[in-house]
Amino acid sequence: MLIHGDLQLYNNYTEKYEYMDICLAIFQSADYRGPLEIRKCWETLITQTHERAIDDGRLPWEAVSEIVRRLGHRFSLSEYIFPPSKFTHQVLQ
């Protein structure tokens, strides 16, 4: 059985295919605290969610709030992954 390291998973799969929720999980498991990359993941995730909701005929704000609530619960203990004070501005855009 082959187990890939966090960096290899991030570089080869999650960032390449824009699996942003998985990117955030990798950042958390690796205790990575790079604010620019973390912010980029959230921005991409919010944009993707918004666009998919429109394509699916759903209300974008509901889809975004749902994913933020779900991931916020998942990452609530990781202030560097889910920084509420820095995050509010992104969601409101």
Protein backbone atom coordinates (compact mmCIF):
# COMPACT_ATOMS: atom_id res chain seq x y z
CA MET A 1 0.00 0.00 0.00
CA LEU A 2 1.38 3.39 -0.99
CA ILE A 3 0.72 6.36 1.27
CA HIS A 4 1.37 9.81 -0.12
CA GLY A 5 2.62 12.62 2.08
CA ASP A 6 0.63 15.80 2.62
CA LEU A 7 2.81 17.87 0.30
CA GLN A 8 2.60 15.33 -2.51
CA LEU A 9 -1.19 15.06 -2.19
CA TYR A 10 -1.49 18.84 -2.21
CA ASN A 11 0.78 19.41 -5.21
CA ASN A 12 -0.37 16.48 -7.35
CA TYR A 13 -4.08 16.31 -6.70
CA THR A 14 -5.92 18.74 -4.48
CA GLU A 15 -4.59 22.05 -5.78
CA LYS A 16 -4.39 20.83 -9.37
CA TYR A 17 -8.05 19.74 -9.41
CA GLU A 18 -9.22 22.50 -7.06
CA TYR A 19 -10.40 20.29 -4.20
CA MET A 20 -10.26 23.23 -1.84
CA ASP A 21 -11.94 21.58 1.14
CA ILE A 22 -9.32 18.83 0.97
CA CYS A 23 -6.56 21.45 0.65
CA LEU A 24 -7.76 22.98 3.90
CA ALA A 25 -7.75 19.55 5.56
CA ILE A 26 -4.19 18.96 4.37
CA PHE A 27 -3.13 22.35 5.70
CA GLN A 28 -4.68 21.46 9.04
CA SER A 29 -3.10 18.01 9.24
CA ALA A 30 0.31 19.43 8.31
CA ASP A 31 -0.11 22.32 10.78
CA TYR A 32 0.54 24.66 7.86
CA ARG A 33 -0.17 28.29 8.67
CA GLY A 34 0.49 30.18 5.42
CA PRO A 35 -2.22 32.84 5.36
CA LEU A 36 -1.98 33.59 1.64
CA GLU A 37 -2.48 29.98 0.55
CA ILE A 38 -5.24 29.43 3.09
CA ARG A 39 -7.03 32.59 1.96
CA LYS A 40 -6.65 31.51 -1.68
CA CYS A 41 -8.26 28.16 -0.86
CA TRP A 42 -11.23 29.83 0.81
CA GLU A 43 -11.63 32.35 -2.03
CA THR A 44 -11.59 29.58 -4.63
CA LEU A 45 -13.96 27.42 -2.59
CA ILE A 46 -16.46 30.26 -2.17
CA THR A 47 -16.28 31.17 -5.86
CA GLN A 48 -16.69 27.53 -6.96
CA THR A 49 -19.64 27.03 -4.63
CA HIS A 50 -21.29 30.23 -5.82
CA GLU A 51 -20.88 29.34 -9.51
CA ARG A 52 -22.06 25.73 -9.05
CA ALA A 53 -25.15 26.92 -7.20
CA ILE A 54 -26.07 29.24 -10.06
CA ASP A 55 -25.50 26.43 -12.59
CA ASP A 56 -27.70 24.10 -10.50
CA GLY A 57 -30.47 26.68 -10.13
CA ARG A 58 -29.93 27.09 -6.39
CA LEU A 59 -29.55 30.29 -4.42
CA PRO A 60 -25.80 31.05 -4.29
CA TRP A 61 -25.87 32.62 -0.83
CA GLU A 62 -27.51 29.49 0.61
CA ALA A 63 -24.90 27.21 -0.97
CA VAL A 64 -22.03 29.38 0.28
CA SER A 65 -23.46 29.62 3.78
CA GLU A 66 -23.96 25.85 3.85
CA ILE A 67 -20.33 25.09 2.93
CA VAL A 68 -18.98 27.74 5.30
CA ARG A 69 -21.10 26.34 8.12
CA ARG A 70 -20.03 22.75 7.38
CA LEU A 71 -16.33 23.51 7.05
CA GLY A 72 -16.45 26.02 9.88
CA HIS A 73 -17.65 23.25 12.15
CA ARG A 74 -14.93 20.93 10.84
CA PHE A 75 -12.11 23.46 11.24
CA SER A 76 -13.43 25.48 14.18
CA LEU A 77 -10.54 24.41 16.41
CA SER A 78 -7.98 25.55 13.82
CA GLU A 79 -7.99 29.32 14.02
CA TYR A 80 -5.42 29.57 11.23
CA ILE A 81 -7.59 27.45 8.86
CA PHE A 82 -10.91 29.03 9.83
CA PRO A 83 -10.09 32.58 10.97
CA PRO A 84 -13.52 34.17 11.57
CA SER A 85 -12.19 37.72 11.84
CA LYS A 86 -10.48 37.54 8.44
CA PHE A 87 -13.11 35.36 6.86
CA THR A 88 -16.22 37.53 7.15
CA HIS A 89 -15.09 39.92 4.40
CA GLN A 90 -14.67 37.07 1.89
CA VAL A 91 -18.12 35.67 2.55
CA LEU A 92 -19.81 39.03 2.18
CA GLN A 93 -18.36 39.59 -1.27
